[in-house]
Amino acid sequence: LVSRTDALILDLRGNGGGSPDGVALWSSYFLPAKPTHLNNIYD
């Protein structure tokens, strides 16, 4: 829906977090197609 806009505001002021997979998906839309190492999680 926002793909044809000239700029974008992403409002996370009320966001309490969620899934690392979801974070990776959101991040991917704003980064080049070449895979980018985003995060590591040690358990």
All heavy atoms as atom14 arrays in JSON, in Angstrom:
{
  "sequence": "LVSRTDALILDLRGNGGGSPDGVALWSSYFLPAKPTHLNNIYD",
  "atom14_mask": [
    [1, 1, 1, 1, 1, 1, 1, 1, 0, 0, 0, 0, 0, 0],
    [1, 1, 1, 1, 1, 1, 1, 0, 0, 0, 0, 0, 0, 0],
    [1, 1, 1, 1, 1, 1, 0, 0, 0, 0, 0, 0, 0, 0],
    [1, 1, 1, 1, 1, 1, 1, 1, 1, 1, 1, 0, 0, 0],
    [1, 1, 1, 1, 1, 1, 1, 0, 0, 0, 0, 0, 0, 0],
    [1, 1, 1, 1, 1, 1, 1, 1, 0, 0, 0, 0, 0, 0],
    [1, 1, 1, 1, 1, 0, 0, 0, 0, 0, 0, 0, 0, 0],
    [1, 1, 1, 1, 1, 1, 1, 1, 0, 0, 0, 0, 0, 0],
    [1, 1, 1, 1, 1, 1, 1, 1, 0, 0, 0, 0, 0, 0],
    [1, 1, 1, 1, 1, 1, 1, 1, 0, 0, 0, 0, 0, 0],
    [1, 1, 1, 1, 1, 1, 1, 1, 0, 0, 0, 0, 0, 0],
    [1, 1, 1, 1, 1, 1, 1, 1, 0, 0, 0, 0, 0, 0],
    [1, 1, 1, 1, 1, 1, 1, 1, 1, 1, 1, 0, 0, 0],
    [1, 1, 1, 1, 0, 0, 0, 0, 0, 0, 0, 0, 0, 0],
    [1, 1, 1, 1, 1, 1, 1, 1, 0, 0, 0, 0, 0, 0],
    [1, 1, 1, 1, 0, 0, 0, 0, 0, 0, 0, 0, 0, 0],
    [1, 1, 1, 1, 0, 0, 0, 0, 0, 0, 0, 0, 0, 0],
    [1, 1, 1, 1, 0, 0, 0, 0, 0, 0, 0, 0, 0, 0],
    [1, 1, 1, 1, 1, 1, 0, 0, 0, 0, 0, 0, 0, 0],
    [1, 1, 1, 1, 1, 1, 1, 0, 0, 0, 0, 0, 0, 0],
    [1, 1, 1, 1, 1, 1, 1, 1, 0, 0, 0, 0, 0, 0],
    [1, 1, 1, 1, 0, 0, 0, 0, 0, 0, 0, 0, 0, 0],
    [1, 1, 1, 1, 1, 1, 1, 0, 0, 0, 0, 0, 0, 0],
    [1, 1, 1, 1, 1, 0, 0, 0, 0, 0, 0, 0, 0, 0],
    [1, 1, 1, 1, 1, 1, 1, 1, 0, 0, 0, 0, 0, 0],
    [1, 1, 1, 1, 1, 1, 1, 1, 1, 1, 1, 1, 1, 1],
    [1, 1, 1, 1, 1, 1, 0, 0, 0, 0, 0, 0, 0, 0],
    [1, 1, 1, 1, 1, 1, 0, 0, 0, 0, 0, 0, 0, 0],
    [1, 1, 1, 1, 1, 1, 1, 1, 1, 1, 1, 1, 0, 0],
    [1, 1, 1, 1, 1, 1, 1, 1, 1, 1, 1, 0, 0, 0],
    [1, 1, 1, 1, 1, 1, 1, 1, 0, 0, 0, 0, 0, 0],
    [1, 1, 1, 1, 1, 1, 1, 0, 0, 0, 0, 0, 0, 0],
    [1, 1, 1, 1, 1, 0, 0, 0, 0, 0, 0, 0, 0, 0],
    [1, 1, 1, 1, 1, 1, 1, 1, 1, 0, 0, 0, 0, 0],
    [1, 1, 1, 1, 1, 1, 1, 0, 0, 0, 0, 0, 0, 0],
    [1, 1, 1, 1, 1, 1, 1, 0, 0, 0, 0, 0, 0, 0],
    [1, 1, 1, 1, 1, 1, 1, 1, 1, 1, 0, 0, 0, 0],
    [1, 1, 1, 1, 1, 1, 1, 1, 0, 0, 0, 0, 0, 0],
    [1, 1, 1, 1, 1, 1, 1, 1, 0, 0, 0, 0, 0, 0],
    [1, 1, 1, 1, 1, 1, 1, 1, 0, 0, 0, 0, 0, 0],
    [1, 1, 1, 1, 1, 1, 1, 1, 0, 0, 0, 0, 0, 0],
    [1, 1, 1, 1, 1, 1, 1, 1, 1, 1, 1, 1, 0, 0],
    [1, 1, 1, 1, 1, 1, 1, 1, 0, 0, 0, 0, 0, 0]
  ],
  "atom14_positions": [
    [[0.81, -1.22, 0.0], [0.0, 0.0, 0.0], [0.85, 1.27, 0.0], [0.42, 2.3, -0.53], [-0.94, 0.0, 1.21], [-2.09, -1.0, 1.16], [-2.84, -1.04, 2.49], [-3.06, -0.64, 0.02], [0.0, 0.0, 0.0], [0.0, 0.0, 0.0], [0.0, 0.0, 0.0], [0.0, 0.0, 0.0], [0.0, 0.0, 0.0], [0.0, 0.0, 0.0]],
    [[2.03, 1.21, 0.61], [2.88, 2.41, 0.67], [4.02, 2.36, -0.35], [4.9, 3.23, -0.33], [3.46, 2.61, 2.09], [2.34, 2.77, 3.1], [4.39, 1.45, 2.48], [0.0, 0.0, 0.0], [0.0, 0.0, 0.0], [0.0, 0.0, 0.0], [0.0, 0.0, 0.0], [0.0, 0.0, 0.0], [0.0, 0.0, 0.0], [0.0, 0.0, 0.0]],
    [[4.0, 1.4, -1.24], [5.15, 1.16, -2.12], [5.41, 2.29, -3.1], [6.53, 2.42, -3.62], [4.96, -0.16, -2.89], [3.81, -0.08, -3.74], [0.0, 0.0, 0.0], [0.0, 0.0, 0.0], [0.0, 0.0, 0.0], [0.0, 0.0, 0.0], [0.0, 0.0, 0.0], [0.0, 0.0, 0.0], [0.0, 0.0, 0.0], [0.0, 0.0, 0.0]],
    [[4.41, 3.12, -3.38], [4.58, 4.2, -4.36], [4.75, 5.57, -3.69], [4.67, 6.59, -4.35], [3.39, 4.24, -5.32], [3.26, 3.0, -6.2], [4.41, 2.93, -7.21], [4.28, 1.81, -8.11], [4.83, 0.62, -7.91], [5.56, 0.41, -6.82], [4.66, -0.36, -8.78], [0.0, 0.0, 0.0], [0.0, 0.0, 0.0], [0.0, 0.0, 0.0]],
    [[4.98, 5.6, -2.41], [5.17, 6.87, -1.72], [6.61, 7.35, -1.88], [7.5, 6.59, -2.24], [4.83, 6.74, -0.23], [5.65, 5.71, 0.36], [3.36, 6.39, -0.03], [0.0, 0.0, 0.0], [0.0, 0.0, 0.0], [0.0, 0.0, 0.0], [0.0, 0.0, 0.0], [0.0, 0.0, 0.0], [0.0, 0.0, 0.0], [0.0, 0.0, 0.0]],
    [[6.81, 8.65, -1.6], [8.14, 9.25, -1.73], [8.96, 9.15, -0.46], [10.17, 9.38, -0.46], [8.02, 10.73, -2.13], [7.4, 10.9, -3.52], [7.72, 10.09, -4.41], [6.59, 11.83, -3.7], [0.0, 0.0, 0.0], [0.0, 0.0, 0.0], [0.0, 0.0, 0.0], [0.0, 0.0, 0.0], [0.0, 0.0, 0.0], [0.0, 0.0, 0.0]],
    [[8.31, 8.86, 0.65], [8.98, 8.71, 1.94], [8.04, 7.93, 2.85], [6.83, 7.82, 2.58], [9.32, 10.06, 2.55], [0.0, 0.0, 0.0], [0.0, 0.0, 0.0], [0.0, 0.0, 0.0], [0.0, 0.0, 0.0], [0.0, 0.0, 0.0], [0.0, 0.0, 0.0], [0.0, 0.0, 0.0], [0.0, 0.0, 0.0], [0.0, 0.0, 0.0]],
    [[8.59, 7.41, 3.95], [7.78, 6.55, 4.82], [8.09, 6.85, 6.29], [9.25, 7.01, 6.67], [8.07, 5.08, 4.53], [7.31, 4.04, 5.37], [5.82, 4.15, 5.15], [7.81, 2.63, 5.03], [0.0, 0.0, 0.0], [0.0, 0.0, 0.0], [0.0, 0.0, 0.0], [0.0, 0.0, 0.0], [0.0, 0.0, 0.0], [0.0, 0.0, 0.0]],
    [[7.02, 6.92, 7.09], [7.14, 7.02, 8.54], [6.68, 5.69, 9.13], [5.53, 5.28, 8.94], [6.29, 8.16, 9.1], [6.78, 9.51, 8.56], [6.32, 8.17, 10.63], [5.89, 10.68, 8.94], [0.0, 0.0, 0.0], [0.0, 0.0, 0.0], [0.0, 0.0, 0.0], [0.0, 0.0, 0.0], [0.0, 0.0, 0.0], [0.0, 0.0, 0.0]],
    [[7.57, 5.02, 9.85], [7.26, 3.76, 10.53], [7.13, 4.06, 12.02], [8.12, 4.38, 12.68], [8.36, 2.74, 10.26], [8.23, 1.37, 10.91], [6.97, 0.66, 10.42], [9.47, 0.51, 10.61], [0.0, 0.0, 0.0], [0.0, 0.0, 0.0], [0.0, 0.0, 0.0], [0.0, 0.0, 0.0], [0.0, 0.0, 0.0], [0.0, 0.0, 0.0]],
    [[5.93, 3.97, 12.53], [5.65, 4.36, 13.91], [5.72, 3.14, 14.83], [4.86, 2.27, 14.8], [4.27, 5.0, 13.98], [4.01, 5.7, 15.3], [4.75, 5.44, 16.26], [3.06, 6.5, 15.36], [0.0, 0.0, 0.0], [0.0, 0.0, 0.0], [0.0, 0.0, 0.0], [0.0, 0.0, 0.0], [0.0, 0.0, 0.0], [0.0, 0.0, 0.0]],
    [[6.77, 3.1, 15.66], [6.96, 2.0, 16.61], [6.81, 2.48, 18.05], [7.23, 1.79, 18.98], [8.34, 1.36, 16.42], [8.64, 0.77, 15.04], [10.04, 0.17, 15.02], [7.6, -0.26, 14.63], [0.0, 0.0, 0.0], [0.0, 0.0, 0.0], [0.0, 0.0, 0.0], [0.0, 0.0, 0.0], [0.0, 0.0, 0.0], [0.0, 0.0, 0.0]],
    [[6.19, 3.63, 18.26], [6.1, 4.19, 19.61], [5.3, 3.32, 20.55], [5.56, 3.3, 21.76], [5.49, 5.59, 19.55], [6.39, 6.65, 18.94], [5.7, 7.98, 18.82], [4.6, 7.93, 17.86], [3.79, 8.96, 17.59], [3.96, 10.12, 18.23], [2.83, 8.83, 16.7], [0.0, 0.0, 0.0], [0.0, 0.0, 0.0], [0.0, 0.0, 0.0]],
    [[4.33, 2.58, 20.05], [3.53, 1.72, 20.91], [3.8, 0.24, 20.7], [2.98, -0.6, 21.07], [0.0, 0.0, 0.0], [0.0, 0.0, 0.0], [0.0, 0.0, 0.0], [0.0, 0.0, 0.0], [0.0, 0.0, 0.0], [0.0, 0.0, 0.0], [0.0, 0.0, 0.0], [0.0, 0.0, 0.0], [0.0, 0.0, 0.0], [0.0, 0.0, 0.0]],
    [[4.96, -0.08, 20.15], [5.26, -1.47, 19.79], [6.03, -2.16, 20.91], [7.13, -1.75, 21.26], [6.07, -1.51, 18.49], [6.1, -2.89, 17.86], [6.48, -3.86, 18.49], [5.69, -2.96, 16.61], [0.0, 0.0, 0.0], [0.0, 0.0, 0.0], [0.0, 0.0, 0.0], [0.0, 0.0, 0.0], [0.0, 0.0, 0.0], [0.0, 0.0, 0.0]],
    [[5.45, -3.25, 21.43], [6.05, -3.99, 22.52], [6.91, -5.16, 22.11], [7.34, -5.94, 22.95], [0.0, 0.0, 0.0], [0.0, 0.0, 0.0], [0.0, 0.0, 0.0], [0.0, 0.0, 0.0], [0.0, 0.0, 0.0], [0.0, 0.0, 0.0], [0.0, 0.0, 0.0], [0.0, 0.0, 0.0], [0.0, 0.0, 0.0], [0.0, 0.0, 0.0]],
    [[7.18, -5.3, 20.81], [8.07, -6.37, 20.36], [7.35, -7.51, 19.68], [6.22, -7.36, 19.21], [0.0, 0.0, 0.0], [0.0, 0.0, 0.0], [0.0, 0.0, 0.0], [0.0, 0.0, 0.0], [0.0, 0.0, 0.0], [0.0, 0.0, 0.0], [0.0, 0.0, 0.0], [0.0, 0.0, 0.0], [0.0, 0.0, 0.0], [0.0, 0.0, 0.0]],
    [[8.02, -8.66, 19.62], [7.42, -9.81, 18.94], [8.47, -10.77, 18.44], [9.48, -11.02, 19.09], [0.0, 0.0, 0.0], [0.0, 0.0, 0.0], [0.0, 0.0, 0.0], [0.0, 0.0, 0.0], [0.0, 0.0, 0.0], [0.0, 0.0, 0.0], [0.0, 0.0, 0.0], [0.0, 0.0, 0.0], [0.0, 0.0, 0.0], [0.0, 0.0, 0.0]],
    [[8.25, -11.28, 17.25], [9.02, -12.4, 16.7], [10.28, -11.96, 15.97], [10.24, -11.05, 15.14], [8.13, -13.18, 15.73], [8.89, -14.06, 14.94], [0.0, 0.0, 0.0], [0.0, 0.0, 0.0], [0.0, 0.0, 0.0], [0.0, 0.0, 0.0], [0.0, 0.0, 0.0], [0.0, 0.0, 0.0], [0.0, 0.0, 0.0], [0.0, 0.0, 0.0]],
    [[11.41, -12.64, 16.22], [12.63, -12.35, 15.44], [12.45, -12.59, 13.95], [13.03, -11.87, 13.13], [13.66, -13.33, 16.02], [13.16, -13.66, 17.39], [11.66, -13.64, 17.28], [0.0, 0.0, 0.0], [0.0, 0.0, 0.0], [0.0, 0.0, 0.0], [0.0, 0.0, 0.0], [0.0, 0.0, 0.0], [0.0, 0.0, 0.0], [0.0, 0.0, 0.0]],
    [[11.64, -13.58, 13.57], [11.37, -13.81, 12.15], [10.63, -12.64, 11.54], [10.89, -12.25, 10.4], [10.56, -15.1, 11.97], [11.33, -16.35, 12.33], [12.54, -16.4, 12.03], [10.76, -17.26, 12.93], [0.0, 0.0, 0.0], [0.0, 0.0, 0.0], [0.0, 0.0, 0.0], [0.0, 0.0, 0.0], [0.0, 0.0, 0.0], [0.0, 0.0, 0.0]],
    [[9.69, -12.07, 12.31], [8.97, -10.91, 11.83], [9.87, -9.7, 11.69], [9.75, -8.92, 10.74], [0.0, 0.0, 0.0], [0.0, 0.0, 0.0], [0.0, 0.0, 0.0], [0.0, 0.0, 0.0], [0.0, 0.0, 0.0], [0.0, 0.0, 0.0], [0.0, 0.0, 0.0], [0.0, 0.0, 0.0], [0.0, 0.0, 0.0], [0.0, 0.0, 0.0]],
    [[10.8, -9.54, 12.63], [11.78, -8.45, 12.53], [12.6, -8.59, 11.26], [12.85, -7.62, 10.54], [12.71, -8.44, 13.77], [13.8, -7.39, 13.59], [11.92, -8.16, 15.03], [0.0, 0.0, 0.0], [0.0, 0.0, 0.0], [0.0, 0.0, 0.0], [0.0, 0.0, 0.0], [0.0, 0.0, 0.0], [0.0, 0.0, 0.0], [0.0, 0.0, 0.0]],
    [[13.01, -9.81, 10.95], [13.8, -10.05, 9.74], [13.0, -9.7, 8.48], [13.55, -9.13, 7.52], [14.27, -11.5, 9.69], [0.0, 0.0, 0.0], [0.0, 0.0, 0.0], [0.0, 0.0, 0.0], [0.0, 0.0, 0.0], [0.0, 0.0, 0.0], [0.0, 0.0, 0.0], [0.0, 0.0, 0.0], [0.0, 0.0, 0.0], [0.0, 0.0, 0.0]],
    [[11.7, -10.02, 8.49], [10.87, -9.71, 7.32], [10.72, -8.2, 7.15], [10.9, -7.67, 6.05], [9.5, -10.38, 7.47], [8.5, -10.12, 6.33], [9.09, -10.51, 4.98], [7.2, -10.88, 6.59], [0.0, 0.0, 0.0], [0.0, 0.0, 0.0], [0.0, 0.0, 0.0], [0.0, 0.0, 0.0], [0.0, 0.0, 0.0], [0.0, 0.0, 0.0]],
    [[10.4, -7.5, 8.24], [10.3, -6.04, 8.15], [11.61, -5.43, 7.69], [11.64, -4.56, 6.79], [9.92, -5.46, 9.51], [8.47, -5.44, 9.83], [7.83, -6.19, 10.78], [7.46, -4.64, 9.23], [6.49, -5.91, 10.8], [6.23, -4.96, 9.86], [7.47, -3.68, 8.21], [5.02, -4.33, 9.51], [6.27, -3.06, 7.86], [5.06, -3.4, 8.49]],
    [[12.72, -5.87, 8.28], [14.03, -5.32, 7.92], [14.33, -5.52, 6.44], [14.92, -4.64, 5.78], [15.13, -5.97, 8.77], [14.94, -5.75, 10.15], [0.0, 0.0, 0.0], [0.0, 0.0, 0.0], [0.0, 0.0, 0.0], [0.0, 0.0, 0.0], [0.0, 0.0, 0.0], [0.0, 0.0, 0.0], [0.0, 0.0, 0.0], [0.0, 0.0, 0.0]],
    [[13.93, -6.66, 5.91], [14.24, -7.0, 4.52], [13.65, -6.01, 3.53], [14.24, -5.76, 2.46], [13.73, -8.42, 4.2], [14.35, -9.38, 5.03], [0.0, 0.0, 0.0], [0.0, 0.0, 0.0], [0.0, 0.0, 0.0], [0.0, 0.0, 0.0], [0.0, 0.0, 0.0], [0.0, 0.0, 0.0], [0.0, 0.0, 0.0], [0.0, 0.0, 0.0]],
    [[12.51, -5.44, 3.86], [11.88, -4.49, 2.94], [12.69, -3.2, 2.79], [12.54, -2.49, 1.79], [10.47, -4.16, 3.41], [9.45, -5.14, 2.87], [9.01, -6.2, 3.64], [8.95, -5.02, 1.57], [8.09, -7.12, 3.14], [8.05, -5.92, 1.06], [7.62, -6.97, 1.85], [6.72, -7.88, 1.35], [0.0, 0.0, 0.0], [0.0, 0.0, 0.0]],
    [[13.56, -2.92, 3.75], [14.3, -1.65, 3.72], [15.78, -1.84, 3.41], [16.54, -0.88, 3.45], [14.13, -0.95, 5.07], [12.7, -0.75, 5.45], [12.16, -1.39, 6.56], [11.87, 0.04, 4.68], [10.83, -1.22, 6.9], [10.53, 0.22, 5.02], [10.0, -0.42, 6.14], [0.0, 0.0, 0.0], [0.0, 0.0, 0.0], [0.0, 0.0, 0.0]],
    [[16.18, -3.07, 3.08], [17.57, -3.38, 2.79], [17.69, -4.03, 1.41], [16.72, -4.61, 0.92], [18.14, -4.3, 3.86], [18.18, -3.73, 5.29], [18.58, -4.82, 6.28], [19.13, -2.55, 5.37], [0.0, 0.0, 0.0], [0.0, 0.0, 0.0], [0.0, 0.0, 0.0], [0.0, 0.0, 0.0], [0.0, 0.0, 0.0], [0.0, 0.0, 0.0]],
    [[18.86, -3.94, 0.79], [19.03, -4.52, -0.56], [18.77, -6.02, -0.57], [18.74, -6.69, 0.46], [20.5, -4.2, -0.88], [20.84, -3.03, -0.02], [20.05, -3.22, 1.25], [0.0, 0.0, 0.0], [0.0, 0.0, 0.0], [0.0, 0.0, 0.0], [0.0, 0.0, 0.0], [0.0, 0.0, 0.0], [0.0, 0.0, 0.0], [0.0, 0.0, 0.0]],
    [[18.64, -6.55, -1.79], [18.31, -7.96, -1.95], [19.41, -8.89, -1.45], [19.13, -10.01, -1.02], [18.01, -8.25, -3.42], [0.0, 0.0, 0.0], [0.0, 0.0, 0.0], [0.0, 0.0, 0.0], [0.0, 0.0, 0.0], [0.0, 0.0, 0.0], [0.0, 0.0, 0.0], [0.0, 0.0, 0.0], [0.0, 0.0, 0.0], [0.0, 0.0, 0.0]],
    [[20.66, -8.44, -1.5], [21.74, -9.28, -0.99], [21.53, -9.5, 0.5], [21.39, -8.56, 1.26], [23.09, -8.61, -1.22], [24.26, -9.46, -0.76], [25.6, -8.76, -1.02], [26.76, -9.6, -0.52], [28.07, -8.93, -0.77], [0.0, 0.0, 0.0], [0.0, 0.0, 0.0], [0.0, 0.0, 0.0], [0.0, 0.0, 0.0], [0.0, 0.0, 0.0]],
    [[21.49, -10.77, 0.96], [21.2, -11.04, 2.38], [22.16, -10.31, 3.32], [23.37, -10.26, 3.1], [21.37, -12.56, 2.49], [21.04, -13.06, 1.12], [21.6, -12.02, 0.18], [0.0, 0.0, 0.0], [0.0, 0.0, 0.0], [0.0, 0.0, 0.0], [0.0, 0.0, 0.0], [0.0, 0.0, 0.0], [0.0, 0.0, 0.0], [0.0, 0.0, 0.0]],
    [[21.59, -9.71, 4.35], [22.33, -8.96, 5.36], [22.21, -9.68, 6.69], [21.11, -10.04, 7.12], [21.75, -7.54, 5.49], [21.9, -6.85, 4.24], [22.47, -6.76, 6.58], [0.0, 0.0, 0.0], [0.0, 0.0, 0.0], [0.0, 0.0, 0.0], [0.0, 0.0, 0.0], [0.0, 0.0, 0.0], [0.0, 0.0, 0.0], [0.0, 0.0, 0.0]],
    [[23.34, -9.86, 7.37], [23.34, -10.48, 8.69], [22.78, -9.48, 9.69], [23.41, -8.45, 9.98], [24.76, -10.9, 9.06], [24.85, -11.7, 10.31], [26.05, -12.08, 10.87], [23.88, -12.23, 11.13], [25.84, -12.79, 11.96], [24.53, -12.88, 12.14], [0.0, 0.0, 0.0], [0.0, 0.0, 0.0], [0.0, 0.0, 0.0], [0.0, 0.0, 0.0]],
    [[21.61, -9.77, 10.27], [20.9, -8.82, 11.11], [21.17, -8.99, 12.6], [21.4, -8.02, 13.32], [19.38, -8.95, 10.89], [18.88, -8.7, 9.48], [17.41, -9.07, 9.38], [19.1, -7.25, 9.07], [0.0, 0.0, 0.0], [0.0, 0.0, 0.0], [0.0, 0.0, 0.0], [0.0, 0.0, 0.0], [0.0, 0.0, 0.0], [0.0, 0.0, 0.0]],
    [[21.14, -10.24, 13.07], [21.17, -10.46, 14.51], [21.57, -11.9, 14.81], [21.4, -12.79, 13.98], [19.78, -10.18, 15.1], [19.78, -10.08, 16.61], [20.76, -9.68, 17.22], [18.67, -10.45, 17.22], [0.0, 0.0, 0.0], [0.0, 0.0, 0.0], [0.0, 0.0, 0.0], [0.0, 0.0, 0.0], [0.0, 0.0, 0.0], [0.0, 0.0, 0.0]],
    [[22.14, -12.1, 15.99], [22.38, -13.44, 16.53], [21.63, -13.56, 17.84], [21.52, -12.58, 18.59], [23.86, -13.68, 16.8], [24.7, -13.64, 15.54], [24.31, -14.19, 14.51], [25.85, -12.99, 15.61], [0.0, 0.0, 0.0], [0.0, 0.0, 0.0], [0.0, 0.0, 0.0], [0.0, 0.0, 0.0], [0.0, 0.0, 0.0], [0.0, 0.0, 0.0]],
    [[21.12, -14.74, 18.14], [20.46, -15.0, 19.42], [21.1, -16.23, 20.06], [21.03, -17.33, 19.51], [18.95, -15.19, 19.26], [18.3, -13.92, 18.73], [18.32, -15.59, 20.6], [16.81, -14.02, 18.5], [0.0, 0.0, 0.0], [0.0, 0.0, 0.0], [0.0, 0.0, 0.0], [0.0, 0.0, 0.0], [0.0, 0.0, 0.0], [0.0, 0.0, 0.0]],
    [[21.74, -16.0, 21.21], [22.35, -17.1, 21.96], [21.35, -17.6, 23.0], [20.8, -16.81, 23.77], [23.63, -16.65, 22.66], [24.09, -17.66, 23.69], [24.72, -18.84, 23.3], [23.85, -17.46, 25.05], [25.12, -19.78, 24.23], [24.25, -18.39, 26.0], [24.88, -19.55, 25.58], [25.25, -20.48, 26.51], [0.0, 0.0, 0.0], [0.0, 0.0, 0.0]],
    [[21.15, -18.91, 23.04], [20.22, -19.53, 23.97], [21.0, -20.37, 24.98], [21.69, -21.32, 24.59], [19.21, -20.41, 23.21], [18.04, -20.83, 24.07], [18.26, -21.18, 25.25], [16.91, -20.82, 23.57], [0.0, 0.0, 0.0], [0.0, 0.0, 0.0], [0.0, 0.0, 0.0], [0.0, 0.0, 0.0], [0.0, 0.0, 0.0], [0.0, 0.0, 0.0]]
  ]
}
